[in-house]
Amino acid sequence: MPPTEPTTLRSSDEPLDRRYDLAMLDLDGVVYVGASAVPGAPEHVATARTAGMRVAFITNNASRPPRAVAEQLHELGVDTGPDDVVTSAQAAASVLRGRLAEGAPVVVLGGPGLVEAVAATGLARVAVDEPADAVVTGYGPDVLWGEIMRAAVRIKDGLWWVASNTDGTFPTSFGVAPGHGVLVETLRRFTGVEPVVAGKPSRPLIDETVRRCGAERPLMVGDRLDTDILGARTAGIDSLLVLTGVTGLPELVAAEPGLRPTYLSSDLAGLDRPQPVPEIAGDTVSLGGWTARVADGELAVDGAGSTDDWWRVVAVAAWRHLDEAGEPATTAGVEPPG
């Protein structure tokens, strides 16, 4: 279980790309949003690599093989190859292979990424009604309901179940759609069985990435508190939250201790910068020309300075209030600079 003690940001006098030997970057909301790169992300990745940091791209999306992800990144200006990409499908396959012998029969319900990952470990894919040692599930728009029904009965009867991830939503060209987590919840309720989950915030995806890269000082970089940051805390590693994705002011001020990052930055430029920590004097939190406080449950911020320092004083002031009062500060009228 991740630690739940009250926490604040940590300082680093040296840039993170010197302090850590591996950055594990989430993709959507960190490197790209939809079909476009996050502004500056390709350049920031290149800068971190120049400093000697290895960069890996990790994703809970189990439907696409690593080469497809690498091709997309390359088109967006991020120099990378399939070996730099680790998916929850690969993590799930590694979980299976850790328990099953080579050639063991496995029912695979998911997209091409999951099918290829299982095959790459030397396991044998079998049909849903054939003898099997396990079933593994992942997002796959072409998986038939009849196969899901048959797998559900077999799981209820005792077949070992590994799930690639539990993401409740999935981004598509036609909008945000139900993700694999919806299917996992359906199967869980019907079978009464908890699957082994490979993707964030569970450990296997992060552990697999660290193992493949031979990292000794890994850093998780993400935009989601409930997957990226919680996943890092579950794995016992440090994390950098970037604010180019789903986490904004309401989510940040309401973050419980187990969801708080080690470091905080507006974007991936934070990899090549030191990480100062705010000073606390009474009810005032200050850093780089900014001051923040919570009075009568309302967050107030004054001063001028960098956007990153604004977010840092806001986070620390809001978390102190949340820990003491048990409810988030209100943020009406509070807007980040720029």
Protein backbone atom coordinates (compact mmCIF):
# COMPACT_ATOMS: atom_id res chain seq x y z
CA MET A 1 0.00 0.00 0.00
CA PRO A 2 1.22 3.53 -0.72
CA PRO A 3 2.18 5.73 2.21
CA THR A 4 -0.63 7.94 3.49
CA GLU A 5 1.16 10.22 5.95
CA PRO A 6 0.77 13.98 5.36
CA THR A 7 3.28 15.11 2.78
CA THR A 8 4.49 18.21 1.02
CA LEU A 9 6.72 18.89 -1.95
CA ARG A 10 10.37 17.96 -1.78
CA SER A 11 13.23 20.19 -2.86
CA SER A 12 16.03 19.39 -5.27
CA ASP A 13 18.98 21.76 -5.67
CA GLU A 14 20.03 20.08 -8.91
CA PRO A 15 17.92 19.57 -12.03
CA LEU A 16 15.93 16.35 -11.98
CA ASP A 17 17.62 15.09 -15.15
CA ARG A 18 20.86 14.99 -13.14
CA ARG A 19 19.33 13.61 -9.95
CA TYR A 20 17.50 10.67 -11.57
CA ASP A 21 18.72 8.23 -14.22
CA LEU A 22 15.31 7.39 -15.72
CA ALA A 23 12.20 9.41 -16.46
CA MET A 24 9.11 7.29 -17.05
CA LEU A 25 6.78 9.55 -19.00
CA ASP A 26 3.08 8.98 -19.23
CA LEU A 27 1.88 9.87 -22.72
CA ASP A 28 -1.54 11.50 -23.03
CA GLY A 29 -1.48 14.82 -21.20
CA VAL A 30 2.30 14.74 -20.75
CA VAL A 31 3.89 14.23 -24.18
CA TYR A 32 0.82 14.73 -26.35
CA VAL A 33 -2.82 15.71 -26.11
CA GLY A 34 -4.94 14.01 -28.73
CA ALA A 35 -3.11 14.18 -32.06
CA SER A 36 -0.76 17.04 -31.10
CA ALA A 37 2.41 17.22 -29.07
CA VAL A 38 2.26 19.19 -25.83
CA PRO A 39 4.03 22.47 -26.66
CA GLY A 40 7.74 22.10 -25.98
CA ALA A 41 7.55 18.40 -25.05
CA PRO A 42 9.85 17.08 -27.83
CA GLU A 43 12.48 19.67 -26.97
CA HIS A 44 12.24 18.98 -23.23
CA VAL A 45 12.65 15.24 -23.82
CA ALA A 46 15.73 15.90 -25.96
CA THR A 47 17.21 18.19 -23.29
CA ALA A 48 16.75 15.56 -20.58
CA ARG A 49 18.47 12.95 -22.74
CA THR A 50 21.36 15.31 -23.44
CA ALA A 51 21.81 15.66 -19.69
CA GLY A 52 22.25 11.88 -19.47
CA MET A 53 18.77 10.86 -18.37
CA ARG A 54 17.15 7.88 -20.03
CA VAL A 55 13.55 8.46 -21.07
CA ALA A 56 10.93 5.73 -21.34
CA PHE A 57 7.32 6.17 -22.40
CA ILE A 58 4.80 4.13 -20.43
CA THR A 59 1.11 3.77 -21.09
CA ASN A 60 -1.88 1.96 -19.68
CA ASN A 61 -3.20 1.63 -23.23
CA ALA A 62 -2.89 -2.08 -24.01
CA SER A 63 -4.45 -1.98 -27.47
CA ARG A 64 -1.45 -0.73 -29.47
CA PRO A 65 1.95 -2.43 -29.81
CA PRO A 66 5.05 -0.40 -28.89
CA ARG A 67 6.07 0.18 -32.51
CA ALA A 68 2.76 1.96 -33.20
CA VAL A 69 3.27 4.19 -30.17
CA ALA A 70 6.87 4.91 -31.20
CA GLU A 71 5.75 5.82 -34.73
CA GLN A 72 3.24 8.31 -33.35
CA LEU A 73 5.86 9.87 -31.10
CA HIS A 74 8.32 10.11 -33.99
CA GLU A 75 5.71 11.90 -36.10
CA LEU A 76 5.26 14.40 -33.27
CA GLY A 77 8.98 15.16 -33.18
CA VAL A 78 9.99 12.90 -30.29
CA ASP A 79 13.01 10.78 -31.23
CA THR A 80 12.19 7.31 -29.95
CA GLY A 81 11.94 3.65 -30.87
CA PRO A 82 9.87 0.65 -29.79
CA ASP A 83 12.37 -0.28 -27.07
CA ASP A 84 11.64 3.03 -25.34
CA VAL A 85 7.93 2.22 -25.01
CA VAL A 86 6.46 -0.01 -22.31
CA THR A 87 2.73 -0.77 -22.29
CA SER A 88 0.38 -2.33 -19.77
CA ALA A 89 -0.01 -5.19 -22.26
CA GLN A 90 3.70 -5.98 -21.91
CA ALA A 91 3.44 -5.69 -18.14
CA ALA A 92 0.44 -8.05 -18.13
CA ALA A 93 2.33 -10.54 -20.28
CA SER A 94 5.26 -10.37 -17.88
CA VAL A 95 2.91 -11.07 -14.96
CA LEU A 96 1.58 -14.13 -16.79
CA ARG A 97 5.04 -15.39 -17.71
CA GLY A 98 6.19 -15.01 -14.11
CA ARG A 99 3.72 -17.69 -13.07
CA LEU A 100 3.20 -19.82 -16.18
CA ALA A 101 5.60 -22.09 -18.07
CA GLU A 102 6.66 -21.36 -21.64
CA GLY A 103 3.96 -22.41 -24.08
CA ALA A 104 1.21 -22.33 -21.45
CA PRO A 105 -2.25 -21.75 -22.95
CA VAL A 106 -3.80 -18.32 -22.27
CA VAL A 107 -7.10 -16.80 -23.37
CA VAL A 108 -6.35 -13.30 -24.70
CA LEU A 109 -9.22 -10.83 -24.93
CA GLY A 110 -7.94 -7.49 -26.21
CA GLY A 111 -6.38 -5.61 -29.09
CA PRO A 112 -3.25 -6.28 -31.18
CA GLY A 113 -0.96 -4.85 -28.53
CA LEU A 114 -2.07 -7.44 -25.98
CA VAL A 115 -2.00 -10.30 -28.48
CA GLU A 116 1.57 -9.46 -29.55
CA ALA A 117 2.80 -8.94 -26.00
CA VAL A 118 1.55 -12.36 -24.87
CA ALA A 119 3.05 -14.07 -27.92
CA ALA A 120 6.41 -12.36 -27.32
CA THR A 121 6.72 -14.02 -23.90
CA GLY A 122 6.35 -17.50 -25.38
CA LEU A 123 2.82 -18.15 -24.17
CA ALA A 124 0.23 -19.73 -26.46
CA ARG A 125 -3.02 -17.93 -27.26
CA VAL A 126 -6.07 -20.19 -27.24
CA ALA A 127 -9.76 -19.67 -27.88
CA VAL A 128 -12.04 -18.74 -25.03
CA ASP A 129 -13.61 -22.21 -24.91
CA GLU A 130 -10.31 -24.14 -25.00
CA PRO A 131 -8.32 -25.44 -22.02
CA ALA A 132 -6.28 -22.57 -20.52
CA ASP A 133 -4.16 -21.70 -17.51
CA ALA A 134 -5.19 -18.03 -17.46
CA VAL A 135 -7.19 -15.30 -19.13
CA VAL A 136 -5.84 -11.81 -19.78
CA THR A 137 -8.07 -8.88 -20.73
CA GLY A 138 -7.42 -5.46 -22.19
CA TYR A 139 -9.08 -2.74 -24.23
CA GLY A 140 -10.14 -4.11 -27.61
CA PRO A 141 -13.04 -2.63 -29.59
CA ASP A 142 -13.42 -5.83 -31.61
CA VAL A 143 -13.74 -8.23 -28.67
CA LEU A 144 -17.11 -9.98 -28.92
CA TRP A 145 -19.63 -9.97 -26.10
CA GLY A 146 -20.03 -13.71 -26.45
CA GLU A 147 -16.33 -14.18 -25.68
CA ILE A 148 -16.61 -11.89 -22.66
CA MET A 149 -19.56 -13.92 -21.37
CA ARG A 150 -17.67 -17.19 -21.74
CA ALA A 151 -14.57 -15.73 -20.07
CA ALA A 152 -16.68 -14.40 -17.19
CA VAL A 153 -18.04 -17.87 -16.45
CA ARG A 154 -14.57 -19.38 -16.58
CA ILE A 155 -13.16 -16.72 -14.24
CA LYS A 156 -16.00 -17.38 -11.82
CA ASP A 157 -15.17 -21.07 -12.01
CA GLY A 158 -11.56 -20.39 -11.03
CA LEU A 159 -9.55 -19.44 -14.14
CA TRP A 160 -6.71 -17.05 -13.19
CA TRP A 161 -7.41 -13.53 -14.46
CA VAL A 162 -4.93 -10.76 -15.31
CA ALA A 163 -6.22 -7.34 -16.41
CA SER A 164 -4.03 -4.90 -18.33
CA ASN A 165 -5.49 -1.86 -16.56
CA THR A 166 -8.59 -0.46 -14.88
CA ASP A 167 -8.88 2.88 -16.70
CA GLY A 168 -12.51 3.96 -16.67
CA THR A 169 -12.24 6.06 -19.83
CA PHE A 170 -10.43 5.85 -23.15
CA PRO A 171 -9.79 8.77 -25.57
CA THR A 172 -11.06 8.22 -29.12
CA SER A 173 -11.51 10.31 -32.25
CA PHE A 174 -15.23 10.59 -31.43
CA GLY A 175 -14.80 11.58 -27.78
CA VAL A 176 -14.03 10.06 -24.39
CA ALA A 177 -15.43 6.53 -24.38
CA PRO A 178 -15.72 3.75 -21.76
CA GLY A 179 -12.34 2.20 -21.06
CA HIS A 180 -11.25 -1.28 -20.07
CA GLY A 181 -11.99 -0.49 -16.45
CA VAL A 182 -15.71 -0.62 -17.23
CA LEU A 183 -15.32 -4.21 -18.41
CA VAL A 184 -13.15 -5.05 -15.42
CA GLU A 185 -15.81 -3.76 -13.06
CA THR A 186 -18.50 -5.76 -14.88
CA LEU A 187 -16.45 -8.97 -14.65
CA ARG A 188 -15.51 -8.24 -11.03
CA ARG A 189 -19.15 -7.82 -9.99
CA PHE A 190 -20.27 -10.95 -11.82
CA THR A 191 -17.42 -13.22 -10.71
CA GLY A 192 -16.56 -11.82 -7.29
CA VAL A 193 -12.93 -12.12 -8.37
CA GLU A 194 -10.24 -9.44 -8.13
CA PRO A 195 -7.86 -9.57 -11.10
CA VAL A 196 -4.13 -9.03 -10.98
CA VAL A 197 -3.86 -5.55 -12.54
CA ALA A 198 -0.74 -4.71 -14.56
CA GLY A 199 -1.23 -1.02 -15.34
CA LYS A 200 -0.93 2.08 -13.15
CA PRO A 201 -1.56 2.61 -10.30
CA SER A 202 -0.60 -1.02 -9.70
CA ARG A 203 3.12 -1.83 -9.71
CA PRO A 204 3.77 -4.23 -12.62
CA LEU A 205 4.00 -1.59 -15.40
CA ILE A 206 6.38 0.60 -13.41
CA ASP A 207 8.42 -2.38 -12.18
CA GLU A 208 8.67 -3.74 -15.74
CA THR A 209 9.93 -0.39 -17.02
CA VAL A 210 12.54 -0.05 -14.28
CA ARG A 211 13.71 -3.61 -14.94
CA ARG A 212 14.01 -3.14 -18.70
CA CYS A 213 15.92 0.11 -18.34
CA GLY A 214 18.17 -1.07 -15.52
CA ALA A 215 17.35 2.10 -13.59
CA GLU A 216 18.62 2.76 -10.09
CA ARG A 217 17.03 6.19 -9.57
CA PRO A 218 13.73 6.23 -11.51
CA LEU A 219 11.28 9.13 -11.63
CA MET A 220 7.63 8.82 -12.64
CA VAL A 221 6.31 11.78 -14.65
CA GLY A 222 2.58 12.13 -15.20
CA ASP A 223 -0.47 14.35 -15.26
CA ARG A 224 -2.93 12.15 -13.36
CA LEU A 225 -2.96 11.91 -9.60
CA ASP A 226 -4.96 8.66 -9.41
CA THR A 227 -2.78 6.67 -11.82
CA ASP A 228 0.64 8.26 -12.36
CA ILE A 229 1.26 9.76 -8.92
CA LEU A 230 -0.49 7.03 -6.95
CA GLY A 231 1.35 4.47 -9.06
CA ALA A 232 4.69 6.04 -8.17
CA ARG A 233 3.84 6.04 -4.47
CA THR A 234 2.67 2.43 -4.68
CA ALA A 235 6.01 1.50 -6.26
CA GLY A 236 7.94 3.54 -3.70
CA ILE A 237 9.54 5.93 -6.20
CA ASP A 238 9.54 9.71 -6.63
CA SER A 239 7.25 11.53 -9.03
CA LEU A 240 6.89 14.77 -10.99
CA LEU A 241 3.39 16.07 -11.66
CA VAL A 242 3.04 18.18 -14.82
CA LEU A 243 0.02 20.38 -15.37
CA THR A 244 -0.47 19.91 -19.11
CA GLY A 245 -3.16 17.25 -18.78
CA VAL A 246 -6.13 16.42 -16.60
CA THR A 247 -4.94 17.78 -13.25
CA GLY A 248 -5.86 21.41 -12.65
CA LEU A 249 -6.40 23.64 -9.66
CA PRO A 250 -9.51 21.85 -8.27
CA GLU A 251 -7.83 18.45 -8.41
CA LEU A 252 -4.55 19.69 -6.96
CA VAL A 253 -6.01 21.44 -3.91
CA ALA A 254 -8.14 18.37 -3.13
CA ALA A 255 -5.28 15.85 -3.38
CA GLU A 256 -5.14 13.57 -0.36
CA PRO A 257 -1.69 12.66 1.00
CA GLY A 258 -1.43 9.43 -0.99
CA LEU A 259 -2.00 11.30 -4.24
CA ARG A 260 0.57 14.06 -3.82
CA PRO A 261 3.66 14.22 -6.03
CA THR A 262 7.25 14.63 -4.96
CA TYR A 263 7.78 17.54 -7.36
CA LEU A 264 5.55 19.89 -9.35
CA SER A 265 6.05 21.68 -12.67
CA SER A 266 3.93 23.34 -15.34
CA ASP A 267 5.35 21.08 -18.04
CA LEU A 268 8.28 18.83 -18.92
CA ALA A 269 10.68 21.76 -18.69
CA GLY A 270 10.70 20.88 -14.99
CA LEU A 271 12.96 17.92 -15.77
CA ASP A 272 15.89 20.25 -16.47
CA ARG A 273 15.35 22.60 -13.54
CA PRO A 274 15.97 22.53 -9.79
CA GLN A 275 12.89 22.08 -7.63
CA PRO A 276 12.70 24.69 -4.86
CA VAL A 277 10.30 24.14 -2.00
CA PRO A 278 8.18 26.93 -0.45
CA GLU A 279 8.90 28.40 2.94
CA ILE A 280 6.20 28.26 5.62
CA ALA A 281 5.76 30.99 8.22
CA GLY A 282 2.59 30.73 10.26
CA ASP A 283 -0.30 30.49 7.84
CA THR A 284 1.72 31.92 4.92
CA VAL A 285 3.50 29.89 2.25
CA SER A 286 6.00 31.77 0.09
CA LEU A 287 8.37 31.14 -2.81
CA GLY A 288 9.89 33.18 -5.61
CA GLY A 289 7.80 36.30 -5.05
CA TRP A 290 4.49 34.49 -4.45
CA THR A 291 2.63 34.08 -1.17
CA ALA A 292 -0.38 31.86 -0.55
CA ARG A 293 -2.61 31.28 2.46
CA VAL A 294 -5.97 29.83 3.29
CA ALA A 295 -8.20 31.98 5.52
CA ASP A 296 -11.73 30.96 6.48
CA GLY A 297 -11.46 28.11 3.99
CA GLU A 298 -10.61 30.37 1.02
CA LEU A 299 -7.34 30.19 -0.88
CA ALA A 300 -5.67 33.53 -1.64
CA VAL A 301 -2.50 34.11 -3.67
CA ASP A 302 -0.52 37.35 -3.99
CA GLY A 303 2.71 38.50 -5.60
CA ALA A 304 4.52 37.86 -8.85
CA GLY A 305 7.00 35.33 -10.15
CA SER A 306 7.26 32.14 -12.18
CA THR A 307 4.25 30.00 -12.96
CA ASP A 308 5.90 26.94 -11.42
CA ASP A 309 6.46 28.73 -8.12
CA TRP A 310 2.81 29.87 -8.15
CA TRP A 311 1.66 26.28 -8.38
CA ARG A 312 4.05 25.21 -5.63
CA VAL A 313 2.86 27.75 -3.06
CA VAL A 314 -0.75 26.99 -3.94
CA ALA A 315 -0.23 23.25 -3.54
CA VAL A 316 1.53 23.48 -0.18
CA ALA A 317 -0.93 26.02 1.27
CA ALA A 318 -3.92 24.01 0.08
CA TRP A 319 -2.56 20.68 1.33
CA ARG A 320 -1.79 22.12 4.77
CA HIS A 321 -5.36 23.33 4.98
CA LEU A 322 -6.77 20.01 3.76
CA ASP A 323 -4.75 18.07 6.33
CA GLU A 324 -5.90 20.36 9.15
CA ALA A 325 -9.51 21.04 8.17
CA GLY A 326 -10.39 17.81 6.42
CA GLU A 327 -11.88 19.55 3.40
CA PRO A 328 -10.40 21.36 0.38
CA ALA A 329 -10.02 25.12 0.29
CA THR A 330 -12.31 27.03 -2.03
CA THR A 331 -10.60 28.59 -5.05
CA ALA A 332 -13.16 31.06 -6.40
CA GLY A 333 -11.37 33.84 -8.26
CA VAL A 334 -7.96 32.14 -8.06
CA GLU A 335 -6.30 31.74 -11.47
CA PRO A 336 -2.74 30.69 -12.36
CA PRO A 337 -0.61 33.35 -14.04
CA GLY A 338 -0.46 33.51 -17.81
